[in-house]
């Protein structure tokens, strides 16, 4: 047997082993990533309500010149501050700021 003929097959099997290792590592990494995403996507925050409570809302269209302050001031229940009512309107409508657009639909808690 000629030793030179055996050398390439050793290198081929080593390369194949390295390729199998790399592919296996990539598959394992992808599966762990999917598992982590699945776990965090199904994680319920303790701040989220588990039971939906029915509440009455007034639905209104934002008119030209309306501001969050003017709407809150118009519909604020007696005994509540306009500022705290603005906060409620912001939370119900998932607003990040006080900017409103004409034609925007808002739910006003009653």
C-alpha atoms as a PDB file:
ATOM      1  CA  UNK A   1       0.000   0.000   0.000  1.00  0.00           C
ATOM      2  CA  UNK A   2       1.232   3.400  -0.870  1.00  0.00           C
ATOM      3  CA  UNK A   3       1.044   5.846   2.072  1.00  0.00           C
ATOM      4  CA  UNK A   4       0.478   8.789  -0.260  1.00  0.00           C
ATOM      5  CA  UNK A   5      -2.852   7.338  -1.414  1.00  0.00           C
ATOM      6  CA  UNK A   6      -4.087   7.136   2.199  1.00  0.00           C
ATOM      7  CA  UNK A   7      -3.355  10.775   3.124  1.00  0.00           C
ATOM      8  CA  UNK A   8      -6.109  12.401   1.038  1.00  0.00           C
ATOM      9  CA  UNK A   9      -8.790  10.087   2.474  1.00  0.00           C
ATOM     10  CA  UNK A  10      -7.717  11.016   6.021  1.00  0.00           C
ATOM     11  CA  UNK A  11      -8.061  14.681   5.167  1.00  0.00           C
ATOM     12  CA  UNK A  12     -11.428  14.053   3.533  1.00  0.00           C
ATOM     13  CA  UNK A  13     -12.798  12.274   6.595  1.00  0.00           C
ATOM     14  CA  UNK A  14     -11.451  15.022   8.878  1.00  0.00           C
ATOM     15  CA  UNK A  15     -13.079  17.715   6.715  1.00  0.00           C
ATOM     16  CA  UNK A  16     -16.321  15.754   6.725  1.00  0.00           C
ATOM     17  CA  UNK A  17     -16.189  15.513  10.517  1.00  0.00           C
ATOM     18  CA  UNK A  18     -15.625  19.254  10.828  1.00  0.00           C
ATOM     19  CA  UNK A  19     -18.530  19.947   8.467  1.00  0.00           C
ATOM     20  CA  UNK A  20     -20.842  17.672  10.447  1.00  0.00           C
ATOM     21  CA  UNK A  21     -19.782  19.392  13.678  1.00  0.00           C
ATOM     22  CA  UNK A  22     -20.407  22.891  12.271  1.00  0.00           C
ATOM     23  CA  UNK A  23     -23.809  21.959  10.818  1.00  0.00           C
ATOM     24  CA  UNK A  24     -24.819  20.286  14.098  1.00  0.00           C
ATOM     25  CA  UNK A  25     -23.741  23.360  16.083  1.00  0.00           C
ATOM     26  CA  UNK A  26     -25.759  25.652  13.783  1.00  0.00           C
ATOM     27  CA  UNK A  27     -28.868  23.478  14.072  1.00  0.00           C
ATOM     28  CA  UNK A  28     -28.528  23.332  17.853  1.00  0.00           C
ATOM     29  CA  UNK A  29     -28.113  27.129  18.024  1.00  0.00           C
ATOM     30  CA  UNK A  30     -31.213  27.695  15.879  1.00  0.00           C
ATOM     31  CA  UNK A  31     -33.319  25.278  17.935  1.00  0.00           C
ATOM     32  CA  UNK A  32     -32.254  26.914  21.201  1.00  0.00           C
ATOM     33  CA  UNK A  33     -33.100  30.326  19.738  1.00  0.00           C
ATOM     34  CA  UNK A  34     -36.590  29.135  18.753  1.00  0.00           C
ATOM     35  CA  UNK A  35     -37.070  27.642  22.223  1.00  0.00           C
ATOM     36  CA  UNK A  36     -36.033  30.887  23.946  1.00  0.00           C
ATOM     37  CA  UNK A  37     -38.317  32.962  21.715  1.00  0.00           C
ATOM     38  CA  UNK A  38     -41.203  30.563  22.401  1.00  0.00           C
ATOM     39  CA  UNK A  39     -40.678  30.761  26.164  1.00  0.00           C
ATOM     40  CA  UNK A  40     -40.507  34.566  26.242  1.00  0.00           C
ATOM     41  CA  UNK A  41     -43.379  35.029  23.780  1.00  0.00           C
ATOM     42  CA  UNK A  42     -45.700  33.007  26.029  1.00  0.00           C
ATOM     43  CA  UNK A  43     -44.553  34.697  29.222  1.00  0.00           C
ATOM     44  CA  UNK A  44     -47.391  36.721  30.734  1.00  0.00           C
ATOM     45  CA  UNK A  45     -46.415  39.843  32.527  1.00  0.00           C
ATOM     46  CA  UNK A  46     -47.830  40.175  36.063  1.00  0.00           C
ATOM     47  CA  UNK A  47     -49.099  43.652  35.063  1.00  0.00           C
ATOM     48  CA  UNK A  48     -51.413  42.259  32.395  1.00  0.00           C
ATOM     49  CA  UNK A  49     -54.978  41.613  33.544  1.00  0.00           C
ATOM     50  CA  UNK A  50     -55.992  37.968  33.611  1.00  0.00           C
ATOM     51  CA  UNK A  51     -59.706  38.803  33.534  1.00  0.00           C
ATOM     52  CA  UNK A  52     -61.188  41.451  31.292  1.00  0.00           C
ATOM     53  CA  UNK A  53     -63.515  43.800  33.148  1.00  0.00           C
ATOM     54  CA  UNK A  54     -66.291  45.389  31.158  1.00  0.00           C
ATOM     55  CA  UNK A  55     -66.232  49.170  31.284  1.00  0.00           C
ATOM     56  CA  UNK A  56     -68.285  51.780  29.482  1.00  0.00           C
ATOM     57  CA  UNK A  57     -66.502  54.006  26.996  1.00  0.00           C
ATOM     58  CA  UNK A  58     -67.532  57.018  25.007  1.00  0.00           C
ATOM     59  CA  UNK A  59     -66.162  56.785  21.460  1.00  0.00           C
ATOM     60  CA  UNK A  60     -65.209  60.123  19.943  1.00  0.00           C
ATOM     61  CA  UNK A  61     -63.499  61.408  16.804  1.00  0.00           C
ATOM     62  CA  UNK A  62     -60.756  63.946  17.334  1.00  0.00           C
ATOM     63  CA  UNK A  63     -61.759  67.214  15.674  1.00  0.00           C
ATOM     64  CA  UNK A  64     -59.449  69.945  14.417  1.00  0.00           C
ATOM     65  CA  UNK A  65     -58.005  71.823  17.379  1.00  0.00           C
ATOM     66  CA  UNK A  66     -58.779  69.094  19.939  1.00  0.00           C
ATOM     67  CA  UNK A  67     -56.036  68.313  22.411  1.00  0.00           C
ATOM     68  CA  UNK A  68     -55.802  65.580  24.982  1.00  0.00           C
ATOM     69  CA  UNK A  69     -56.191  68.237  27.670  1.00  0.00           C
ATOM     70  CA  UNK A  70     -59.344  69.718  26.084  1.00  0.00           C
ATOM     71  CA  UNK A  71     -60.965  66.287  25.680  1.00  0.00           C
ATOM     72  CA  UNK A  72     -60.066  65.277  29.232  1.00  0.00           C
ATOM     73  CA  UNK A  73     -61.363  68.614  30.522  1.00  0.00           C
ATOM     74  CA  UNK A  74     -64.621  68.152  28.570  1.00  0.00           C
ATOM     75  CA  UNK A  75     -65.365  64.620  29.861  1.00  0.00           C
ATOM     76  CA  UNK A  76     -63.646  64.506  33.275  1.00  0.00           C
ATOM     77  CA  UNK A  77     -65.892  63.009  35.986  1.00  0.00           C
ATOM     78  CA  UNK A  78     -66.648  65.257  38.920  1.00  0.00           C
ATOM     79  CA  UNK A  79     -64.061  65.008  41.662  1.00  0.00           C
ATOM     80  CA  UNK A  80     -61.237  63.788  39.412  1.00  0.00           C
ATOM     81  CA  UNK A  81     -58.359  65.929  38.206  1.00  0.00           C
ATOM     82  CA  UNK A  82     -57.948  66.631  34.512  1.00  0.00           C
ATOM     83  CA  UNK A  83     -54.333  65.421  34.661  1.00  0.00           C
ATOM     84  CA  UNK A  84     -55.240  61.993  36.104  1.00  0.00           C
ATOM     85  CA  UNK A  85     -58.109  61.655  33.613  1.00  0.00           C
ATOM     86  CA  UNK A  86     -55.701  62.458  30.759  1.00  0.00           C
ATOM     87  CA  UNK A  87     -53.508  59.629  32.006  1.00  0.00           C
ATOM     88  CA  UNK A  88     -56.481  57.237  31.936  1.00  0.00           C
ATOM     89  CA  UNK A  89     -57.378  58.262  28.378  1.00  0.00           C
ATOM     90  CA  UNK A  90     -53.748  57.785  27.342  1.00  0.00           C
ATOM     91  CA  UNK A  91     -53.617  54.292  28.910  1.00  0.00           C
ATOM     92  CA  UNK A  92     -56.950  53.145  27.433  1.00  0.00           C
ATOM     93  CA  UNK A  93     -55.937  54.254  23.934  1.00  0.00           C
ATOM     94  CA  UNK A  94     -52.310  53.115  24.319  1.00  0.00           C
ATOM     95  CA  UNK A  95     -50.964  56.584  23.533  1.00  0.00           C
ATOM     96  CA  UNK A  96     -47.296  57.275  24.230  1.00  0.00           C
ATOM     97  CA  UNK A  97     -47.695  61.055  24.217  1.00  0.00           C
ATOM     98  CA  UNK A  98     -50.306  63.787  24.089  1.00  0.00           C
ATOM     99  CA  UNK A  99     -50.263  64.357  20.329  1.00  0.00           C
ATOM    100  CA  UNK A 100     -53.613  63.701  18.602  1.00  0.00           C
ATOM    101  CA  UNK A 101     -54.521  63.653  14.902  1.00  0.00           C
ATOM    102  CA  UNK A 102     -57.725  64.977  13.379  1.00  0.00           C
ATOM    103  CA  UNK A 103     -60.057  62.046  12.675  1.00  0.00           C
ATOM    104  CA  UNK A 104     -58.368  59.802  15.240  1.00  0.00           C
ATOM    105  CA  UNK A 105     -60.840  57.678  17.214  1.00  0.00           C
ATOM    106  CA  UNK A 106     -60.461  57.757  21.007  1.00  0.00           C
ATOM    107  CA  UNK A 107     -62.145  55.746  23.720  1.00  0.00           C
ATOM    108  CA  UNK A 108     -63.034  57.933  26.693  1.00  0.00           C
ATOM    109  CA  UNK A 109     -63.579  55.990  29.954  1.00  0.00           C
ATOM    110  CA  UNK A 110     -66.860  56.764  31.708  1.00  0.00           C
END
